[in-house]
Amino acid sequence: MRRLTGEDNSFLAWENAAQPQHTIKVMVLDPSQGHSQQPLTFDAVRAMVPALVERVEPLQWQLLMPRLRLGRPWWVARPHIDVDHHVQRVTLAAPGGDHELATAIDAIFHDRLDRSRPAWQLFYVDGLADGRIALIWKIHHAVADGTASLRILEALCGTDMTASNPRRDERRPAPWHWLPMVARHQLAAAVGLPRVVARTVAVSRVILARRRAGKPGYAAAFAAPGARFNAPLTAERRFAFRGCDMTVIKQVARACGVTVNDVFLAVCSGALRGYLDRHGELTEEALTAVVPVSMRPPEGDPWGNKVARWNVALATDIADPLERLTAIAAATRTAREVQAERDLWLQHDWMEYWPLFWFYSRALPLIGERTTHRPTFSLIASNMRGPQQLCFGGAPVERLISSGPLVFPMGLNFTGWSYEGQLTIGVLSCAAHLPDPWQIADGLPAALAELASAASAVEVVEQSQCQPASGVDVTPQAGDRV
């Protein structure tokens, strides 16, 4: 058994019919390039799944809700799964291109995962052009953040053999075992609350000292005007994706002295700015983004969620692409400085006191939105450094596509995963408010090209204009984005 952390449990608490909290991971493969003698058919993949479940621990996890609703849920191992439920087949309409694949992802996003079963499904998708197939993994966010999801994919593809897992005890604990266990956790939480409050006071002093010194902080809540996607969500989702050349992204980053993540945010900002401008909805104030950042220790627990959240202004009010990139880089440097000054684990520890954290994270924002008529933040933007070459069932994975969920009022999500020289950026929206995210996704390569052209000119004329402030480390670190 494994007790959900407060952060893991938050994705269950936020979930409802209009706001499912699963993630999507898509592997596009060419079966004809595989080295296995057995064709990678639906039946072959279906037959592989029980062994994969035995090997990859999170695929066994099923929620066990506490008796009398005391305390948080637990994961309990259920290695014997209903394969017919967990593995399903989808055939795309002709011609089987990106748009048809995205339409299939739309439908898969719609329904919540069944909490009475392990929290994932696999969709075998055929009908893609040139005989390719896609494997779409639908995994609840309570199971894994981006870093943990990457490890799951590596385990499924056999590159992370440390994920092997012995069969666990499947028995439900008896009441006389359950209640003392819950009592111990509740007592520990009560004893720890004064320390958490004291740490909160200390962090508040750090924030006030930074303000008195005139230093910038995170982008403020309720600072951005509402956009069309900052509205109550429905269950219908629309998904689109486009690839950007990682070589070009790294060239821009080097030329301007910024990080790959800064360029990713600037590309998303440029594509979104173009979309809003074409629709007459561009505002004079910048939109803002919640940017998840991994906090997982290298030798820590590999599963679940270990994420900090930066609040960053996206500079959508700036027309010049390099000025926009410079503003975003300054915002992320500030976010990194602020994170370094604060208690890194304070927010995670507050999540252990869910009723109190719910009031802070959901009730107060709702009150703020109704009084200011502005969203807490505009959207979610997440960037993940992908794995090395993967193979599934002997066939090489050619492309990785990913998306996280929507959380009201942030009805737009950009998720980028780099893999094999491409950064594929997924754009997820609520269909009721942004029915055609391709209008944004199609602008992503153009936004990168615009940045590359401007950066190239600056590099020739006056490269120093894009250099970061002296003494600020903006080198991308492995695993620092999720």
Protein backbone atom coordinates (compact mmCIF):
# COMPACT_ATOMS: atom_id res chain seq x y z
CA MET A 1 0.00 0.00 0.00
CA ARG A 2 1.06 3.56 -0.70
CA ARG A 3 -0.61 6.61 0.78
CA LEU A 4 -1.18 9.45 -1.69
CA THR A 5 0.69 12.63 -0.87
CA GLY A 6 -1.26 15.85 -0.50
CA GLU A 7 -0.09 16.91 -3.97
CA ASP A 8 -1.17 13.62 -5.55
CA ASN A 9 -4.52 13.86 -3.82
CA SER A 10 -5.06 17.40 -5.12
CA PHE A 11 -5.57 16.02 -8.64
CA LEU A 12 -8.34 13.78 -7.34
CA ALA A 13 -9.89 16.66 -5.37
CA TRP A 14 -9.87 19.00 -8.40
CA GLU A 15 -11.40 16.39 -10.69
CA ASN A 16 -15.02 16.51 -11.80
CA ALA A 17 -16.97 15.68 -14.95
CA ALA A 18 -15.92 18.93 -16.63
CA GLN A 19 -12.34 18.81 -15.37
CA PRO A 20 -10.80 15.32 -15.72
CA GLN A 21 -7.27 15.16 -14.36
CA HIS A 22 -5.55 12.60 -16.52
CA THR A 23 -2.59 13.18 -18.82
CA ILE A 24 -2.00 11.87 -22.32
CA LYS A 25 1.26 10.38 -23.60
CA VAL A 26 1.38 9.35 -27.28
CA MET A 27 4.04 7.16 -28.89
CA VAL A 28 3.99 7.08 -32.71
CA LEU A 29 5.73 4.00 -34.11
CA ASP A 30 6.58 2.45 -37.47
CA PRO A 31 6.00 -1.31 -37.05
CA SER A 32 7.76 -2.06 -40.34
CA GLN A 33 11.05 -0.87 -38.80
CA GLY A 34 10.79 -3.21 -35.84
CA HIS A 35 13.26 -5.97 -35.08
CA SER A 36 10.74 -8.35 -33.56
CA GLN A 37 9.58 -11.27 -35.66
CA GLN A 38 6.03 -10.79 -34.37
CA PRO A 39 4.05 -7.96 -36.05
CA LEU A 40 3.01 -5.21 -33.68
CA THR A 41 -0.70 -5.80 -34.07
CA PHE A 42 -3.44 -4.92 -31.59
CA ASP A 43 -3.56 -8.53 -30.40
CA ALA A 44 0.21 -8.56 -29.94
CA VAL A 45 0.18 -5.36 -27.88
CA ARG A 46 -2.77 -6.62 -25.88
CA ALA A 47 -0.89 -9.81 -25.09
CA MET A 48 2.13 -7.80 -23.89
CA VAL A 49 0.19 -5.73 -21.38
CA PRO A 50 -0.06 -8.19 -18.43
CA ALA A 51 3.72 -8.56 -18.38
CA LEU A 52 4.15 -4.79 -18.57
CA VAL A 53 1.79 -4.36 -15.62
CA GLU A 54 3.86 -6.85 -13.63
CA ARG A 55 7.02 -4.85 -14.41
CA VAL A 56 5.80 -1.26 -13.99
CA GLU A 57 4.52 -0.62 -10.49
CA PRO A 58 2.19 2.39 -11.11
CA LEU A 59 0.19 0.40 -13.67
CA GLN A 60 -0.97 -1.80 -10.78
CA TRP A 61 -2.24 1.02 -8.60
CA GLN A 62 -5.92 1.20 -7.77
CA LEU A 63 -7.45 3.73 -5.40
CA LEU A 64 -8.51 2.54 -2.00
CA MET A 65 -10.72 5.16 -0.40
CA PRO A 66 -10.51 5.54 3.39
CA ARG A 67 -13.33 4.23 5.52
CA LEU A 68 -15.66 6.94 6.78
CA ARG A 69 -13.73 9.33 4.47
CA LEU A 70 -11.08 9.71 7.16
CA GLY A 71 -7.77 10.82 5.72
CA ARG A 72 -6.48 10.54 2.17
CA PRO A 73 -6.82 7.65 -0.28
CA TRP A 74 -4.21 4.94 -0.75
CA TRP A 75 -2.85 3.13 -3.77
CA VAL A 76 -3.15 -0.63 -3.45
CA ALA A 77 -1.59 -3.06 -5.93
CA ARG A 78 -3.96 -4.81 -8.34
CA PRO A 79 -1.67 -6.67 -10.77
CA HIS A 80 -4.58 -8.73 -12.18
CA ILE A 81 -6.26 -6.26 -14.52
CA ASP A 82 -9.22 -6.43 -16.90
CA VAL A 83 -7.27 -6.25 -20.17
CA ASP A 84 -10.42 -5.59 -22.22
CA HIS A 85 -11.05 -2.43 -20.21
CA HIS A 86 -7.49 -1.18 -20.10
CA VAL A 87 -6.50 -1.88 -23.72
CA GLN A 88 -8.73 -0.61 -26.50
CA ARG A 89 -8.47 -0.09 -30.24
CA VAL A 90 -9.14 3.00 -32.34
CA THR A 91 -8.95 3.21 -36.14
CA LEU A 92 -8.41 6.66 -37.64
CA ALA A 93 -10.33 8.01 -40.59
CA ALA A 94 -8.38 8.58 -43.80
CA PRO A 95 -5.86 10.01 -44.51
CA GLY A 96 -4.61 9.24 -40.97
CA GLY A 97 -2.62 12.41 -40.47
CA ASP A 98 -2.00 14.70 -37.50
CA HIS A 99 -5.53 16.13 -37.54
CA GLU A 100 -7.15 12.68 -37.45
CA LEU A 101 -4.83 11.59 -34.62
CA ALA A 102 -5.70 14.74 -32.67
CA THR A 103 -9.41 14.04 -33.16
CA ALA A 104 -8.91 10.62 -31.57
CA ILE A 105 -7.11 12.28 -28.65
CA ASP A 106 -10.07 14.68 -28.28
CA ALA A 107 -12.40 11.74 -27.67
CA ILE A 108 -9.98 9.95 -25.33
CA PHE A 109 -9.62 13.08 -23.21
CA HIS A 110 -13.37 13.35 -22.64
CA ASP A 111 -14.10 10.63 -20.07
CA ARG A 112 -12.64 10.38 -16.60
CA LEU A 113 -10.72 7.26 -15.65
CA ASP A 114 -12.64 4.69 -13.63
CA ARG A 115 -11.51 5.03 -10.00
CA SER A 116 -12.50 1.44 -9.25
CA ARG A 117 -9.68 0.21 -11.53
CA PRO A 118 -5.97 0.99 -11.94
CA ALA A 119 -5.73 4.59 -13.11
CA TRP A 120 -4.72 4.20 -16.76
CA GLN A 121 -5.78 3.00 -20.20
CA LEU A 122 -3.93 2.22 -23.41
CA PHE A 123 -5.41 2.94 -26.84
CA TYR A 124 -3.93 1.15 -29.86
CA VAL A 125 -4.46 3.46 -32.82
CA ASP A 126 -4.12 2.21 -36.38
CA GLY A 127 -5.03 3.82 -39.68
CA LEU A 128 -2.17 6.32 -39.56
CA ALA A 129 -0.47 7.21 -42.81
CA ASP A 130 2.28 4.89 -44.12
CA GLY A 131 1.20 2.02 -41.89
CA ARG A 132 2.27 3.67 -38.66
CA ILE A 133 0.50 3.14 -35.36
CA ALA A 134 0.14 5.20 -32.20
CA LEU A 135 -0.05 4.03 -28.60
CA ILE A 136 -1.98 6.56 -26.51
CA TRP A 137 -1.44 6.16 -22.77
CA LYS A 138 -4.05 7.83 -20.58
CA ILE A 139 -2.65 8.09 -17.03
CA HIS A 140 -4.13 9.91 -14.06
CA HIS A 141 -2.08 12.86 -12.91
CA ALA A 142 -2.32 11.57 -9.32
CA VAL A 143 -0.07 8.69 -10.44
CA ALA A 144 2.68 10.66 -12.13
CA ASP A 145 3.92 14.12 -13.05
CA GLY A 146 6.01 14.66 -16.20
CA THR A 147 9.24 13.25 -14.77
CA ALA A 148 7.50 10.16 -13.39
CA SER A 149 5.58 9.72 -16.67
CA LEU A 150 8.87 9.74 -18.53
CA ARG A 151 10.14 6.95 -16.30
CA ILE A 152 6.95 4.97 -16.92
CA LEU A 153 7.48 5.25 -20.68
CA GLU A 154 11.11 4.19 -20.32
CA ALA A 155 10.02 1.21 -18.23
CA LEU A 156 7.36 0.25 -20.77
CA CYS A 157 9.98 0.40 -23.50
CA GLY A 158 12.47 -1.63 -21.46
CA THR A 159 15.10 1.09 -21.00
CA ASP A 160 14.53 1.44 -17.24
CA MET A 161 14.85 -2.07 -15.89
CA THR A 162 14.98 -0.80 -12.30
CA ALA A 163 11.20 -0.45 -12.56
CA SER A 164 10.76 -4.19 -12.08
CA ASN A 165 8.38 -4.76 -9.24
CA PRO A 166 7.49 -7.86 -7.21
CA ARG A 167 3.83 -8.67 -6.76
CA ARG A 168 2.35 -6.83 -3.81
CA ASP A 169 -0.17 -7.86 -1.21
CA GLU A 170 -3.62 -7.23 -2.72
CA ARG A 171 -5.62 -7.71 0.46
CA ARG A 172 -7.70 -4.85 1.79
CA PRO A 173 -6.56 -3.99 5.33
CA ALA A 174 -8.92 -5.00 8.11
CA PRO A 175 -10.64 -2.16 10.04
CA TRP A 176 -8.56 -2.82 13.14
CA HIS A 177 -5.44 -2.28 11.00
CA TRP A 178 -6.86 0.64 9.00
CA LEU A 179 -8.02 2.88 11.84
CA PRO A 180 -4.72 2.92 13.78
CA MET A 181 -2.90 3.66 10.52
CA VAL A 182 -5.19 6.63 9.80
CA ALA A 183 -4.94 7.80 13.42
CA ARG A 184 -1.13 7.82 13.25
CA HIS A 185 -1.15 9.96 10.08
CA GLN A 186 -3.73 12.37 11.45
CA LEU A 187 -1.79 12.75 14.70
CA ALA A 188 1.45 13.38 12.80
CA ALA A 189 -0.30 16.03 10.69
CA ALA A 190 -1.70 17.76 13.78
CA VAL A 191 1.69 17.75 15.49
CA GLY A 192 3.37 19.13 12.37
CA LEU A 193 0.89 21.97 11.73
CA PRO A 194 2.54 24.54 14.06
CA ARG A 195 5.87 24.03 12.27
CA VAL A 196 4.21 24.54 8.89
CA VAL A 197 2.57 27.74 10.15
CA ALA A 198 5.93 28.98 11.47
CA ARG A 199 7.58 28.26 8.13
CA THR A 200 4.77 30.16 6.40
CA VAL A 201 5.43 33.20 8.58
CA ALA A 202 9.14 32.99 7.72
CA VAL A 203 8.41 32.84 3.98
CA SER A 204 6.03 35.80 4.30
CA ARG A 205 8.88 37.81 5.82
CA VAL A 206 11.13 36.86 2.90
CA ILE A 207 8.47 38.01 0.42
CA LEU A 208 8.01 41.33 2.24
CA ALA A 209 11.78 41.89 2.42
CA ARG A 210 12.06 41.33 -1.33
CA ARG A 211 9.27 43.84 -1.98
CA ARG A 212 10.87 46.45 0.31
CA ALA A 213 14.13 46.01 -1.61
CA GLY A 214 12.29 46.75 -4.85
CA LYS A 215 12.98 43.33 -6.32
CA PRO A 216 10.42 41.75 -8.66
CA GLY A 217 8.52 38.64 -7.66
CA TYR A 218 6.34 36.06 -9.35
CA ALA A 219 3.71 37.34 -11.76
CA ALA A 220 0.82 38.46 -9.58
CA ALA A 221 -2.47 36.61 -9.47
CA PHE A 222 -5.40 38.39 -11.16
CA ALA A 223 -2.92 40.58 -13.09
CA ALA A 224 -3.91 39.36 -16.55
CA PRO A 225 -7.16 40.26 -18.29
CA GLY A 226 -9.55 37.44 -19.04
CA ALA A 227 -9.22 35.67 -22.39
CA ARG A 228 -11.84 33.59 -24.17
CA PHE A 229 -10.46 30.38 -22.62
CA ASN A 230 -10.74 31.69 -19.02
CA ALA A 231 -14.33 30.55 -18.61
CA PRO A 232 -16.11 27.67 -16.84
CA LEU A 233 -15.06 24.39 -18.42
CA THR A 234 -17.14 21.74 -20.13
CA ALA A 235 -16.07 18.13 -20.64
CA GLU A 236 -15.37 18.55 -24.37
CA ARG A 237 -11.69 18.93 -25.26
CA ARG A 238 -9.88 19.89 -28.44
CA PHE A 239 -6.25 19.01 -29.03
CA ALA A 240 -3.67 20.03 -31.62
CA PHE A 241 0.09 19.66 -31.87
CA ARG A 242 3.04 20.76 -33.93
CA GLY A 243 6.76 20.02 -33.89
CA CYS A 244 9.56 22.56 -33.61
CA ASP A 245 13.19 21.88 -34.50
CA MET A 246 15.25 21.48 -31.31
CA THR A 247 18.44 22.49 -33.15
CA VAL A 248 16.86 25.86 -33.98
CA ILE A 249 15.54 26.25 -30.41
CA LYS A 250 19.02 25.65 -28.98
CA GLN A 251 20.57 28.07 -31.49
CA VAL A 252 18.16 30.80 -30.36
CA ALA A 253 18.87 29.99 -26.71
CA ARG A 254 22.63 30.21 -27.23
CA ALA A 255 22.44 33.37 -29.32
CA CYS A 256 20.32 35.16 -26.73
CA GLY A 257 21.87 33.72 -23.58
CA VAL A 258 18.60 32.22 -22.35
CA THR A 259 17.33 28.71 -21.60
CA VAL A 260 15.53 26.26 -23.84
CA ASN A 261 12.52 26.66 -21.55
CA ASP A 262 12.56 30.43 -22.17
CA VAL A 263 12.46 29.82 -25.92
CA PHE A 264 9.62 27.31 -25.48
CA LEU A 265 7.59 29.90 -23.55
CA ALA A 266 8.38 32.59 -26.13
CA VAL A 267 7.25 30.30 -28.97
CA CYS A 268 3.96 29.60 -27.16
CA SER A 269 3.55 33.30 -26.40
CA GLY A 270 4.20 34.27 -30.02
CA ALA A 271 1.71 31.76 -31.41
CA LEU A 272 -0.92 32.80 -28.87
CA ARG A 273 -0.31 36.50 -29.52
CA GLY A 274 -0.79 35.93 -33.26
CA TYR A 275 -4.05 34.06 -32.64
CA LEU A 276 -5.46 36.76 -30.36
CA ASP A 277 -4.39 39.51 -32.75
CA ARG A 278 -6.12 37.84 -35.72
CA HIS A 279 -9.33 37.57 -33.69
CA GLY A 280 -9.19 41.14 -32.40
CA GLU A 281 -8.68 39.92 -28.81
CA LEU A 282 -5.11 41.04 -28.15
CA THR A 283 -4.89 43.01 -24.90
CA GLU A 284 -2.49 45.71 -23.79
CA GLU A 285 -1.68 43.71 -20.67
CA ALA A 286 0.34 40.51 -20.80
CA LEU A 287 -1.24 37.14 -20.21
CA THR A 288 0.30 34.96 -17.51
CA ALA A 289 1.18 31.29 -17.19
CA VAL A 290 1.59 28.73 -14.45
CA VAL A 291 4.81 26.89 -15.32
CA PRO A 292 5.32 23.55 -13.51
CA VAL A 293 8.94 22.87 -12.53
CA SER A 294 10.24 19.54 -11.26
CA MET A 295 11.51 19.34 -7.68
CA ARG A 296 12.14 15.60 -7.64
CA PRO A 297 15.39 14.65 -5.87
CA PRO A 298 17.61 12.40 -8.05
CA GLU A 299 17.45 9.56 -5.54
CA GLY A 300 13.93 10.22 -4.28
CA ASP A 301 10.61 8.48 -4.84
CA PRO A 302 10.29 8.02 -8.65
CA TRP A 303 6.47 8.14 -8.75
CA GLY A 304 3.73 10.59 -7.90
CA ASN A 305 4.14 14.38 -8.11
CA LYS A 306 7.02 16.58 -6.98
CA VAL A 307 6.39 19.90 -8.71
CA ALA A 308 6.80 23.59 -7.94
CA ARG A 309 4.84 26.17 -9.90
CA TRP A 310 6.30 29.35 -11.27
CA ASN A 311 3.94 32.20 -12.12
CA VAL A 312 5.33 33.94 -15.21
CA ALA A 313 4.20 36.86 -17.39
CA LEU A 314 4.20 35.71 -21.04
CA ALA A 315 4.84 39.17 -22.55
CA THR A 316 2.03 38.78 -25.08
CA ASP A 317 1.79 42.58 -25.01
CA ILE A 318 5.20 42.92 -26.70
CA ALA A 319 5.25 42.82 -30.51
CA ASP A 320 8.99 42.41 -31.09
CA PRO A 321 9.91 38.70 -30.76
CA LEU A 322 13.33 39.26 -29.20
CA GLU A 323 12.02 41.81 -26.71
CA ARG A 324 9.31 39.31 -25.83
CA LEU A 325 11.91 36.56 -25.31
CA THR A 326 14.05 38.88 -23.20
CA ALA A 327 11.06 39.78 -21.01
CA ILE A 328 10.14 36.10 -20.55
CA ALA A 329 13.76 35.19 -19.71
CA ALA A 330 13.81 37.94 -17.09
CA ALA A 331 10.56 36.60 -15.63
CA THR A 332 11.87 33.03 -15.37
CA ARG A 333 15.16 34.23 -13.84
CA THR A 334 13.13 36.09 -11.26
CA ALA A 335 11.04 32.97 -10.63
CA ARG A 336 14.21 30.92 -10.12
CA GLU A 337 15.58 33.50 -7.69
CA VAL A 338 12.30 33.66 -5.77
CA GLN A 339 12.14 29.87 -5.55
CA ALA A 340 15.71 29.74 -4.22
CA GLU A 341 14.89 32.27 -1.49
CA ARG A 342 11.77 30.51 -0.27
CA ASP A 343 11.04 27.27 1.58
CA LEU A 344 10.96 24.87 -1.39
CA TRP A 345 8.66 22.32 0.23
CA LEU A 346 6.26 24.62 2.05
CA GLN A 347 3.48 24.44 -0.57
CA HIS A 348 3.77 20.65 -0.72
CA ASP A 349 3.52 20.41 3.05
CA TRP A 350 0.44 22.66 3.08
CA MET A 351 -1.17 20.24 0.63
CA GLU A 352 -1.11 17.68 3.41
CA TYR A 353 -3.81 19.80 5.09
CA TRP A 354 -6.22 19.61 2.20
CA PRO A 355 -9.25 21.51 3.61
CA LEU A 356 -6.99 24.47 4.46
CA PHE A 357 -5.09 24.25 1.18
CA TRP A 358 -8.36 23.96 -0.75
CA PHE A 359 -9.48 27.25 0.77
CA TYR A 360 -6.22 28.87 -0.29
CA SER A 361 -5.95 27.30 -3.76
CA ARG A 362 -9.59 27.18 -4.85
CA ALA A 363 -11.90 29.26 -2.63
CA LEU A 364 -9.75 32.39 -2.47
CA PRO A 365 -9.10 32.39 -6.27
CA LEU A 366 -12.83 32.05 -6.92
CA ILE A 367 -13.51 34.99 -4.64
CA GLY A 368 -10.74 36.95 -6.34
CA GLU A 369 -12.07 36.19 -9.82
CA ARG A 370 -15.55 37.37 -8.89
CA THR A 371 -14.28 40.61 -7.37
CA THR A 372 -11.60 41.46 -9.97
CA HIS A 373 -13.31 39.83 -12.99
CA ARG A 374 -9.92 38.41 -13.92
CA PRO A 375 -8.58 34.85 -13.86
CA THR A 376 -6.01 33.78 -11.30
CA PHE A 377 -3.64 33.04 -14.18
CA SER A 378 -4.25 32.73 -17.91
CA LEU A 379 -2.95 29.28 -18.88
CA ILE A 380 -0.61 26.37 -18.13
CA ALA A 381 2.70 25.94 -19.98
CA SER A 382 4.83 22.87 -19.31
CA ASN A 383 8.07 21.77 -20.98
CA MET A 384 9.68 18.35 -20.50
CA ARG A 385 13.07 17.13 -21.64
CA GLY A 386 12.30 13.81 -23.30
CA PRO A 387 14.18 10.50 -23.31
CA GLN A 388 16.75 9.01 -25.63
CA GLN A 389 15.58 6.73 -28.45
CA LEU A 390 12.77 4.42 -27.34
CA CYS A 391 11.57 1.16 -28.88
CA PHE A 392 8.32 -0.59 -28.07
CA GLY A 393 7.88 -4.21 -29.04
CA GLY A 394 10.96 -3.91 -31.23
CA ALA A 395 9.62 -0.93 -33.18
CA PRO A 396 11.32 2.48 -32.83
CA VAL A 397 9.27 5.30 -31.36
CA GLU A 398 9.39 8.11 -33.90
CA ARG A 399 7.51 10.78 -32.02
CA LEU A 400 6.33 11.60 -28.50
CA ILE A 401 3.29 13.80 -27.93
CA SER A 402 2.02 14.82 -24.51
CA SER A 403 -0.63 16.89 -22.80
CA GLY A 404 -1.55 17.69 -19.24
CA PRO A 405 -5.09 18.54 -18.09
CA LEU A 406 -6.97 21.81 -17.78
CA VAL A 407 -7.71 23.38 -14.39
CA PHE A 408 -10.26 26.19 -14.19
CA PRO A 409 -9.84 29.06 -14.91
CA MET A 410 -6.87 28.05 -17.05
CA GLY A 411 -8.68 26.63 -20.07
CA LEU A 412 -5.57 26.41 -22.27
CA ASN A 413 -2.58 24.12 -21.81
CA PHE A 414 0.71 24.07 -23.76
CA THR A 415 2.76 20.91 -23.14
CA GLY A 416 6.12 20.43 -24.86
CA TRP A 417 8.17 17.24 -24.95
CA SER A 418 11.51 17.05 -26.74
CA TYR A 419 12.44 13.82 -28.51
CA GLU A 420 14.69 12.88 -31.41
CA GLY A 421 15.51 16.44 -32.40
CA GLN A 422 11.93 17.73 -32.19
CA LEU A 423 10.05 19.63 -29.50
CA THR A 424 6.45 18.57 -30.05
CA ILE A 425 4.10 21.05 -28.41
CA GLY A 426 0.54 19.99 -27.63
CA VAL A 427 -2.21 22.59 -27.33
CA LEU A 428 -5.26 21.51 -25.28
CA SER A 429 -8.38 23.65 -24.98
CA CYS A 430 -11.97 23.49 -23.87
CA ALA A 431 -14.07 23.07 -27.01
CA ALA A 432 -16.76 25.42 -25.76
CA HIS A 433 -14.39 28.39 -25.71
CA LEU A 434 -11.55 27.57 -28.12
CA PRO A 435 -12.90 25.01 -30.59
CA ASP A 436 -9.94 25.05 -33.01
CA PRO A 437 -6.57 24.97 -31.22
CA TRP A 438 -4.92 24.25 -34.58
CA GLN A 439 -5.15 28.00 -35.17
CA ILE A 440 -2.67 28.35 -32.31
CA ALA A 441 -0.64 25.18 -32.94
CA ASP A 442 -0.05 26.04 -36.59
CA GLY A 443 1.54 29.29 -35.41
CA LEU A 444 4.17 27.57 -33.25
CA PRO A 445 6.73 26.78 -36.02
CA ALA A 446 6.22 30.27 -37.45
CA ALA A 447 6.83 31.85 -34.04
CA LEU A 448 10.09 29.88 -33.73
CA ALA A 449 11.16 30.88 -37.24
CA GLU A 450 10.50 34.53 -36.39
CA LEU A 451 12.63 34.22 -33.26
CA ALA A 452 15.42 32.45 -35.13
CA SER A 453 15.53 35.13 -37.82
CA ALA A 454 15.64 37.94 -35.29
CA ALA A 455 18.23 36.17 -33.13
CA SER A 456 20.44 35.51 -36.14
CA ALA A 457 20.42 39.18 -37.06
CA VAL A 458 21.23 40.24 -33.50
CA GLU A 459 24.04 37.69 -33.26
CA VAL A 460 25.70 39.24 -36.28
CA VAL A 461 25.14 42.87 -35.30
CA GLU A 462 25.15 43.09 -31.51
CA GLN A 463 24.93 39.79 -29.63
CA SER A 464 25.50 41.50 -26.29
CA GLN A 465 21.99 42.99 -26.31
CA CYS A 466 20.57 39.57 -25.41
CA GLN A 467 23.08 38.64 -22.72
CA PRO A 468 21.61 37.86 -19.27
CA ALA A 469 22.38 39.91 -16.20
CA SER A 470 25.83 39.34 -14.77
CA GLY A 471 26.02 36.51 -12.26
CA VAL A 472 22.67 34.95 -13.14
CA ASP A 473 22.84 31.26 -14.04
CA VAL A 474 20.40 30.47 -16.85
CA THR A 475 21.97 27.21 -18.03
CA PRO A 476 19.31 24.53 -18.63
CA GLN A 477 19.60 21.78 -16.05
CA ALA A 478 18.64 18.17 -16.68
CA GLY A 479 15.19 17.42 -15.34
CA ASP A 480 14.42 20.97 -14.18
CA ARG A 481 11.21 21.20 -16.20
CA VAL A 482 8.11 19.07 -16.16
